[in-house]
Amino acid sequence: MDAWVWELFRSRLFRPEHFSLDKGACLLEKTGRARFYEHFEESLRPTSNRLRAYCRLVARDLRAHAPALPMADGEEEV
């Protein structure tokens, strides 16, 4: 995550005008937050897909070891 944030600065997606100082605190302004969230969602896609696949594997393993557990509404048999 740190490397990703540094890349946002290195690539100049974040600029000084995206920040303000208030009582010693450095704050990300609205335009900067919009850029952050736009790129954050893009960066999460591969991780989200990987986590979803891991969850399917865990669910499949649990079903194999506990076949008497009921299926959730709308859940497909794997």
PDB file of N, CA and C in Angstrom:
ATOM      1  N   MET A   1       0.826  -1.192   0.000  1.00  0.00           N
ATOM      2  CA  MET A   1       0.000   0.000   0.000  1.00  0.00           C
ATOM      3  C   MET A   1       0.868   1.254   0.000  1.00  0.00           C
ATOM      4  N   ASP A   2       1.938   1.233   0.809  1.00  0.00           N
ATOM      5  CA  ASP A   2       2.830   2.398   0.851  1.00  0.00           C
ATOM      6  C   ASP A   2       3.428   2.681  -0.523  1.00  0.00           C
ATOM      7  N   ALA A   3       3.864   1.631  -1.202  1.00  0.00           N
ATOM      8  CA  ALA A   3       4.460   1.803  -2.532  1.00  0.00           C
ATOM      9  C   ALA A   3       3.438   2.399  -3.491  1.00  0.00           C
ATOM     10  N   TRP A   4       2.192   1.982  -3.368  1.00  0.00           N
ATOM     11  CA  TRP A   4       1.136   2.509  -4.239  1.00  0.00           C
ATOM     12  C   TRP A   4       0.927   4.005  -3.988  1.00  0.00           C
ATOM     13  N   VAL A   5       0.886   4.412  -2.718  1.00  0.00           N
ATOM     14  CA  VAL A   5       0.713   5.835  -2.394  1.00  0.00           C
ATOM     15  C   VAL A   5       1.913   6.639  -2.889  1.00  0.00           C
ATOM     16  N   TRP A   6       3.116   6.128  -2.705  1.00  0.00           N
ATOM     17  CA  TRP A   6       4.292   6.822  -3.211  1.00  0.00           C
ATOM     18  C   TRP A   6       4.211   6.990  -4.731  1.00  0.00           C
ATOM     19  N   GLU A   7       3.687   5.983  -5.401  1.00  0.00           N
ATOM     20  CA  GLU A   7       3.537   6.070  -6.861  1.00  0.00           C
ATOM     21  C   GLU A   7       2.568   7.191  -7.238  1.00  0.00           C
ATOM     22  N   LEU A   8       1.528   7.391  -6.449  1.00  0.00           N
ATOM     23  CA  LEU A   8       0.600   8.501  -6.718  1.00  0.00           C
ATOM     24  C   LEU A   8       1.326   9.835  -6.672  1.00  0.00           C
ATOM     25  N   PHE A   9       2.251   9.980  -5.727  1.00  0.00           N
ATOM     26  CA  PHE A   9       3.032  11.212  -5.653  1.00  0.00           C
ATOM     27  C   PHE A   9       4.055  11.284  -6.782  1.00  0.00           C
ATOM     28  N   ARG A  10       4.755  10.181  -7.025  1.00  0.00           N
ATOM     29  CA  ARG A  10       5.793  10.166  -8.056  1.00  0.00           C
ATOM     30  C   ARG A  10       5.219  10.491  -9.429  1.00  0.00           C
ATOM     31  N   SER A  11       4.049   9.963  -9.715  1.00  0.00           N
ATOM     32  CA  SER A  11       3.423  10.189 -11.025  1.00  0.00           C
ATOM     33  C   SER A  11       2.676  11.527 -11.092  1.00  0.00           C
ATOM     34  N   ARG A  12       2.743  12.277  -9.997  1.00  0.00           N
ATOM     35  CA  ARG A  12       2.137  13.611  -9.910  1.00  0.00           C
ATOM     36  C   ARG A  12       0.617  13.588  -9.973  1.00  0.00           C
ATOM     37  N   LEU A  13       0.005  12.467  -9.602  1.00  0.00           N
ATOM     38  CA  LEU A  13      -1.453  12.451  -9.458  1.00  0.00           C
ATOM     39  C   LEU A  13      -1.868  13.303  -8.263  1.00  0.00           C
ATOM     40  N   PHE A  14      -1.001  13.356  -7.258  1.00  0.00           N
ATOM     41  CA  PHE A  14      -1.192  14.262  -6.128  1.00  0.00           C
ATOM     42  C   PHE A  14      -0.246  15.431  -6.320  1.00  0.00           C
ATOM     43  N   ARG A  15      -0.784  16.619  -6.149  1.00  0.00           N
ATOM     44  CA  ARG A  15       0.019  17.838  -6.287  1.00  0.00           C
ATOM     45  C   ARG A  15      -0.184  18.691  -5.040  1.00  0.00           C
ATOM     46  N   PRO A  16       0.678  19.645  -4.823  1.00  0.00           N
ATOM     47  CA  PRO A  16       0.547  20.490  -3.624  1.00  0.00           C
ATOM     48  C   PRO A  16      -0.842  21.127  -3.478  1.00  0.00           C
ATOM     49  N   GLU A  17      -1.464  21.485  -4.592  1.00  0.00           N
ATOM     50  CA  GLU A  17      -2.785  22.126  -4.512  1.00  0.00           C
ATOM     51  C   GLU A  17      -3.894  21.166  -4.051  1.00  0.00           C
ATOM     52  N   HIS A  18      -3.599  19.880  -3.979  1.00  0.00           N
ATOM     53  CA  HIS A  18      -4.567  18.903  -3.475  1.00  0.00           C
ATOM     54  C   HIS A  18      -4.574  18.828  -1.952  1.00  0.00           C
ATOM     55  N   PHE A  19      -3.696  19.599  -1.300  1.00  0.00           N
ATOM     56  CA  PHE A  19      -3.548  19.546   0.153  1.00  0.00           C
ATOM     57  C   PHE A  19      -3.706  20.935   0.757  1.00  0.00           C
ATOM     58  N   SER A  20      -4.104  20.946   2.024  1.00  0.00           N
ATOM     59  CA  SER A  20      -4.139  22.192   2.778  1.00  0.00           C
ATOM     60  C   SER A  20      -3.630  21.910   4.188  1.00  0.00           C
ATOM     61  N   LEU A  21      -3.225  22.967   4.869  1.00  0.00           N
ATOM     62  CA  LEU A  21      -2.788  22.857   6.260  1.00  0.00           C
ATOM     63  C   LEU A  21      -3.847  23.485   7.149  1.00  0.00           C
ATOM     64  N   ASP A  22      -4.190  22.790   8.227  1.00  0.00           N
ATOM     65  CA  ASP A  22      -5.164  23.307   9.178  1.00  0.00           C
ATOM     66  C   ASP A  22      -4.695  22.944  10.576  1.00  0.00           C
ATOM     67  N   LYS A  23      -4.277  23.945  11.331  1.00  0.00           N
ATOM     68  CA  LYS A  23      -3.814  23.746  12.707  1.00  0.00           C
ATOM     69  C   LYS A  23      -2.706  22.693  12.781  1.00  0.00           C
ATOM     70  N   GLY A  24      -1.793  22.718  11.803  1.00  0.00           N
ATOM     71  CA  GLY A  24      -0.670  21.797  11.789  1.00  0.00           C
ATOM     72  C   GLY A  24      -0.955  20.458  11.130  1.00  0.00           C
ATOM     73  N   ALA A  25      -2.190  20.232  10.731  1.00  0.00           N
ATOM     74  CA  ALA A  25      -2.552  18.966  10.074  1.00  0.00           C
ATOM     75  C   ALA A  25      -2.530  19.159   8.564  1.00  0.00           C
ATOM     76  N   CYS A  26      -1.998  18.181   7.861  1.00  0.00           N
ATOM     77  CA  CYS A  26      -1.994  18.183   6.399  1.00  0.00           C
ATOM     78  C   CYS A  26      -3.238  17.428   5.937  1.00  0.00           C
ATOM     79  N   LEU A  27      -4.126  18.118   5.218  1.00  0.00           N
ATOM     80  CA  LEU A  27      -5.409  17.539   4.811  1.00  0.00           C
ATOM     81  C   LEU A  27      -5.496  17.387   3.301  1.00  0.00           C
ATOM     82  N   LEU A  28      -6.052  16.283   2.871  1.00  0.00           N
ATOM     83  CA  LEU A  28      -6.276  16.034   1.452  1.00  0.00           C
ATOM     84  C   LEU A  28      -7.601  16.681   1.066  1.00  0.00           C
ATOM     85  N   GLU A  29      -7.552  17.613   0.130  1.00  0.00           N
ATOM     86  CA  GLU A  29      -8.745  18.349  -0.289  1.00  0.00           C
ATOM     87  C   GLU A  29      -9.652  17.478  -1.165  1.00  0.00           C
ATOM     88  N   LYS A  30     -10.828  17.996  -1.480  1.00  0.00           N
ATOM     89  CA  LYS A  30     -11.848  17.248  -2.217  1.00  0.00           C
ATOM     90  C   LYS A  30     -11.334  16.706  -3.551  1.00  0.00           C
ATOM     91  N   THR A  31     -10.635  17.517  -4.327  1.00  0.00           N
ATOM     92  CA  THR A  31     -10.111  17.065  -5.621  1.00  0.00           C
ATOM     93  C   THR A  31      -9.100  15.937  -5.427  1.00  0.00           C
ATOM     94  N   GLY A  32      -8.247  16.063  -4.431  1.00  0.00           N
ATOM     95  CA  GLY A  32      -7.273  15.014  -4.138  1.00  0.00           C
ATOM     96  C   GLY A  32      -7.943  13.730  -3.686  1.00  0.00           C
ATOM     97  N   ARG A  33      -8.988  13.851  -2.861  1.00  0.00           N
ATOM     98  CA  ARG A  33      -9.721  12.655  -2.421  1.00  0.00           C
ATOM     99  C   ARG A  33     -10.377  11.954  -3.595  1.00  0.00           C
ATOM    100  N   ALA A  34     -10.930  12.720  -4.519  1.00  0.00           N
ATOM    101  CA  ALA A  34     -11.562  12.125  -5.708  1.00  0.00           C
ATOM    102  C   ALA A  34     -10.531  11.327  -6.500  1.00  0.00           C
ATOM    103  N   ARG A  35      -9.348  11.890  -6.675  1.00  0.00           N
ATOM    104  CA  ARG A  35      -8.285  11.173  -7.388  1.00  0.00           C
ATOM    105  C   ARG A  35      -7.867   9.916  -6.628  1.00  0.00           C
ATOM    106  N   PHE A  36      -7.733  10.056  -5.306  1.00  0.00           N
ATOM    107  CA  PHE A  36      -7.332   8.918  -4.483  1.00  0.00           C
ATOM    108  C   PHE A  36      -8.321   7.771  -4.643  1.00  0.00           C
ATOM    109  N   TYR A  37      -9.612   8.050  -4.454  1.00  0.00           N
ATOM    110  CA  TYR A  37     -10.608   6.973  -4.506  1.00  0.00           C
ATOM    111  C   TYR A  37     -10.729   6.361  -5.894  1.00  0.00           C
ATOM    112  N   GLU A  38     -10.601   7.178  -6.929  1.00  0.00           N
ATOM    113  CA  GLU A  38     -10.640   6.656  -8.304  1.00  0.00           C
ATOM    114  C   GLU A  38      -9.524   5.632  -8.511  1.00  0.00           C
ATOM    115  N   HIS A  39      -8.330   5.964  -8.112  1.00  0.00           N
ATOM    116  CA  HIS A  39      -7.187   5.070  -8.312  1.00  0.00           C
ATOM    117  C   HIS A  39      -7.173   3.928  -7.298  1.00  0.00           C
ATOM    118  N   PHE A  40      -7.720   4.168  -6.122  1.00  0.00           N
ATOM    119  CA  PHE A  40      -7.791   3.132  -5.099  1.00  0.00           C
ATOM    120  C   PHE A  40      -8.673   1.983  -5.576  1.00  0.00           C
ATOM    121  N   GLU A  41      -9.840   2.306  -6.137  1.00  0.00           N
ATOM    122  CA  GLU A  41     -10.736   1.266  -6.641  1.00  0.00           C
ATOM    123  C   GLU A  41     -10.068   0.448  -7.741  1.00  0.00           C
ATOM    124  N   GLU A  42      -9.352   1.120  -8.624  1.00  0.00           N
ATOM    125  CA  GLU A  42      -8.635   0.413  -9.691  1.00  0.00           C
ATOM    126  C   GLU A  42      -7.574  -0.517  -9.113  1.00  0.00           C
ATOM    127  N   SER A  43      -6.876  -0.068  -8.078  1.00  0.00           N
ATOM    128  CA  SER A  43      -5.799  -0.879  -7.509  1.00  0.00           C
ATOM    129  C   SER A  43      -6.336  -2.088  -6.750  1.00  0.00           C
ATOM    130  N   LEU A  44      -7.583  -2.023  -6.306  1.00  0.00           N
ATOM    131  CA  LEU A  44      -8.157  -3.130  -5.531  1.00  0.00           C
ATOM    132  C   LEU A  44      -8.699  -4.267  -6.392  1.00  0.00           C
ATOM    133  N   ARG A  45      -8.951  -4.032  -7.656  1.00  0.00           N
ATOM    134  CA  ARG A  45      -9.560  -5.074  -8.498  1.00  0.00           C
ATOM    135  C   ARG A  45      -8.802  -6.397  -8.465  1.00  0.00           C
ATOM    136  N   PRO A  46      -7.498  -6.409  -8.706  1.00  0.00           N
ATOM    137  CA  PRO A  46      -6.786  -7.703  -8.669  1.00  0.00           C
ATOM    138  C   PRO A  46      -6.849  -8.359  -7.288  1.00  0.00           C
ATOM    139  N   THR A  47      -6.716  -7.572  -6.235  1.00  0.00           N
ATOM    140  CA  THR A  47      -6.780  -8.116  -4.879  1.00  0.00           C
ATOM    141  C   THR A  47      -8.169  -8.654  -4.584  1.00  0.00           C
ATOM    142  N   SER A  48      -9.177  -7.929  -4.975  1.00  0.00           N
ATOM    143  CA  SER A  48     -10.555  -8.352  -4.745  1.00  0.00           C
ATOM    144  C   SER A  48     -10.845  -9.663  -5.462  1.00  0.00           C
ATOM    145  N   ASN A  49     -10.409  -9.774  -6.698  1.00  0.00           N
ATOM    146  CA  ASN A  49     -10.616 -11.009  -7.463  1.00  0.00           C
ATOM    147  C   ASN A  49      -9.893 -12.180  -6.810  1.00  0.00           C
ATOM    148  N   ARG A  50      -8.682 -11.948  -6.337  1.00  0.00           N
ATOM    149  CA  ARG A  50      -7.905 -13.004  -5.686  1.00  0.00           C
ATOM    150  C   ARG A  50      -8.580 -13.446  -4.381  1.00  0.00           C
ATOM    151  N   LEU A  51      -9.043 -12.486  -3.583  1.00  0.00           N
ATOM    152  CA  LEU A  51      -9.714 -12.832  -2.332  1.00  0.00           C
ATOM    153  C   LEU A  51     -11.009 -13.607  -2.585  1.00  0.00           C
ATOM    154  N   ARG A  52     -11.745 -13.209  -3.609  1.00  0.00           N
ATOM    155  CA  ARG A  52     -12.979 -13.919  -3.964  1.00  0.00           C
ATOM    156  C   ARG A  52     -12.669 -15.369  -4.329  1.00  0.00           C
ATOM    157  N   ALA A  53     -11.607 -15.586  -5.083  1.00  0.00           N
ATOM    158  CA  ALA A  53     -11.217 -16.952  -5.464  1.00  0.00           C
ATOM    159  C   ALA A  53     -10.811 -17.762  -4.234  1.00  0.00           C
ATOM    160  N   TYR A  54     -10.063 -17.152  -3.305  1.00  0.00           N
ATOM    161  CA  TYR A  54      -9.688 -17.849  -2.075  1.00  0.00           C
ATOM    162  C   TYR A  54     -10.922 -18.228  -1.258  1.00  0.00           C
ATOM    163  N   CYS A  55     -11.883 -17.323  -1.185  1.00  0.00           N
ATOM    164  CA  CYS A  55     -13.113 -17.611  -0.434  1.00  0.00           C
ATOM    165  C   CYS A  55     -13.862 -18.789  -1.053  1.00  0.00           C
ATOM    166  N   ARG A  56     -13.896 -18.853  -2.375  1.00  0.00           N
ATOM    167  CA  ARG A  56     -14.546 -19.995  -3.033  1.00  0.00           C
ATOM    168  C   ARG A  56     -13.839 -21.303  -2.677  1.00  0.00           C
ATOM    169  N   LEU A  57     -12.504 -21.287  -2.664  1.00  0.00           N
ATOM    170  CA  LEU A  57     -11.750 -22.487  -2.300  1.00  0.00           C
ATOM    171  C   LEU A  57     -12.028 -22.914  -0.859  1.00  0.00           C
ATOM    172  N   VAL A  58     -12.067 -21.958   0.054  1.00  0.00           N
ATOM    173  CA  VAL A  58     -12.345 -22.274   1.454  1.00  0.00           C
ATOM    174  C   VAL A  58     -13.756 -22.836   1.585  1.00  0.00           C
ATOM    175  N   ALA A  59     -14.719 -22.208   0.921  1.00  0.00           N
ATOM    176  CA  ALA A  59     -16.100 -22.692   0.989  1.00  0.00           C
ATOM    177  C   ALA A  59     -16.208 -24.106   0.424  1.00  0.00           C
ATOM    178  N   ARG A  60     -15.533 -24.374  -0.676  1.00  0.00           N
ATOM    179  CA  ARG A  60     -15.557 -25.713  -1.274  1.00  0.00           C
ATOM    180  C   ARG A  60     -14.970 -26.741  -0.305  1.00  0.00           C
ATOM    181  N   ASP A  61     -13.861 -26.379   0.349  1.00  0.00           N
ATOM    182  CA  ASP A  61     -13.230 -27.292   1.303  1.00  0.00           C
ATOM    183  C   ASP A  61     -14.127 -27.529   2.514  1.00  0.00           C
ATOM    184  N   LEU A  62     -14.756 -26.473   3.005  1.00  0.00           N
ATOM    185  CA  LEU A  62     -15.664 -26.636   4.140  1.00  0.00           C
ATOM    186  C   LEU A  62     -16.839 -27.542   3.790  1.00  0.00           C
ATOM    187  N   ARG A  63     -17.394 -27.368   2.607  1.00  0.00           N
ATOM    188  CA  ARG A  63     -18.518 -28.222   2.185  1.00  0.00           C
ATOM    189  C   ARG A  63     -18.095 -29.683   2.074  1.00  0.00           C
ATOM    190  N   ALA A  64     -16.872 -29.911   1.614  1.00  0.00           N
ATOM    191  CA  ALA A  64     -16.382 -31.283   1.462  1.00  0.00           C
ATOM    192  C   ALA A  64     -16.232 -31.961   2.825  1.00  0.00           C
ATOM    193  N   HIS A  65     -15.887 -31.176   3.844  1.00  0.00           N
ATOM    194  CA  HIS A  65     -15.674 -31.740   5.174  1.00  0.00           C
ATOM    195  C   HIS A  65     -16.911 -31.660   6.064  1.00  0.00           C
ATOM    196  N   ALA A  66     -17.912 -30.913   5.659  1.00  0.00           N
ATOM    197  CA  ALA A  66     -19.143 -30.787   6.441  1.00  0.00           C
ATOM    198  C   ALA A  66     -20.332 -30.744   5.481  1.00  0.00           C
ATOM    199  N   PRO A  67     -20.600 -31.847   4.773  1.00  0.00           N
ATOM    200  CA  PRO A  67     -21.637 -31.842   3.750  1.00  0.00           C
ATOM    201  C   PRO A  67     -23.043 -31.611   4.298  1.00  0.00           C
ATOM    202  N   ALA A  68     -23.249 -31.738   5.589  1.00  0.00           N
ATOM    203  CA  ALA A  68     -24.585 -31.564   6.144  1.00  0.00           C
ATOM    204  C   ALA A  68     -24.952 -30.095   6.350  1.00  0.00           C
ATOM    205  N   LEU A  69     -24.017 -29.180   6.157  1.00  0.00           N
ATOM    206  CA  LEU A  69     -24.327 -27.765   6.335  1.00  0.00           C
ATOM    207  C   LEU A  69     -25.289 -27.303   5.243  1.00  0.00           C
ATOM    208  N   PRO A  70     -26.307 -26.506   5.616  1.00  0.00           N
ATOM    209  CA  PRO A  70     -27.272 -26.046   4.613  1.00  0.00           C
ATOM    210  C   PRO A  70     -26.649 -24.990   3.703  1.00  0.00           C
ATOM    211  N   MET A  71     -27.152 -24.921   2.487  1.00  0.00           N
ATOM    212  CA  MET A  71     -26.717 -23.899   1.529  1.00  0.00           C
ATOM    213  C   MET A  71     -27.432 -22.598   1.860  1.00  0.00           C
ATOM    214  N   ALA A  72     -26.782 -21.472   1.626  1.00  0.00           N
ATOM    215  CA  ALA A  72     -27.408 -20.178   1.809  1.00  0.00           C
ATOM    216  C   ALA A  72     -28.334 -19.900   0.639  1.00  0.00           C
ATOM    217  N   ASP A  73     -29.328 -19.057   0.846  1.00  0.00           N
ATOM    218  CA  ASP A  73     -30.264 -18.694  -0.226  1.00  0.00           C
ATOM    219  C   ASP A  73     -29.493 -18.132  -1.403  1.00  0.00           C
ATOM    220  N   GLY A  74     -29.743 -18.642  -2.593  1.00  0.00           N
ATOM    221  CA  GLY A  74     -29.098 -18.152  -3.798  1.00  0.00           C
ATOM    222  C   GLY A  74     -27.695 -18.693  -4.013  1.00  0.00           C
ATOM    223  N   GLU A  75     -27.196 -19.504  -3.116  1.00  0.00           N
ATOM    224  CA  GLU A  75     -25.836 -20.039  -3.231  1.00  0.00           C
ATOM    225  C   GLU A  75     -25.837 -21.229  -4.173  1.00  0.00           C
ATOM    226  N   GLU A  76     -24.825 -21.265  -5.055  1.00  0.00           N
ATOM    227  CA  GLU A  76     -24.716 -22.356  -6.021  1.00  0.00           C
ATOM    228  C   GLU A  76     -23.901 -23.502  -5.463  1.00  0.00           C
ATOM    229  N   GLU A  77     -24.242 -24.684  -5.884  1.00  0.00           N
ATOM    230  CA  GLU A  77     -23.456 -25.877  -5.546  1.00  0.00           C
ATOM    231  C   GLU A  77     -22.155 -25.811  -6.354  1.00  0.00           C
ATOM    232  N   VAL A  78     -21.012 -25.967  -5.702  1.00  0.00           N
ATOM    233  CA  VAL A  78     -19.709 -25.915  -6.406  1.00  0.00           C
ATOM    234  C   VAL A  78     -19.114 -27.281  -6.495  1.00  0.00           C
TER     235      VAL A  78
END
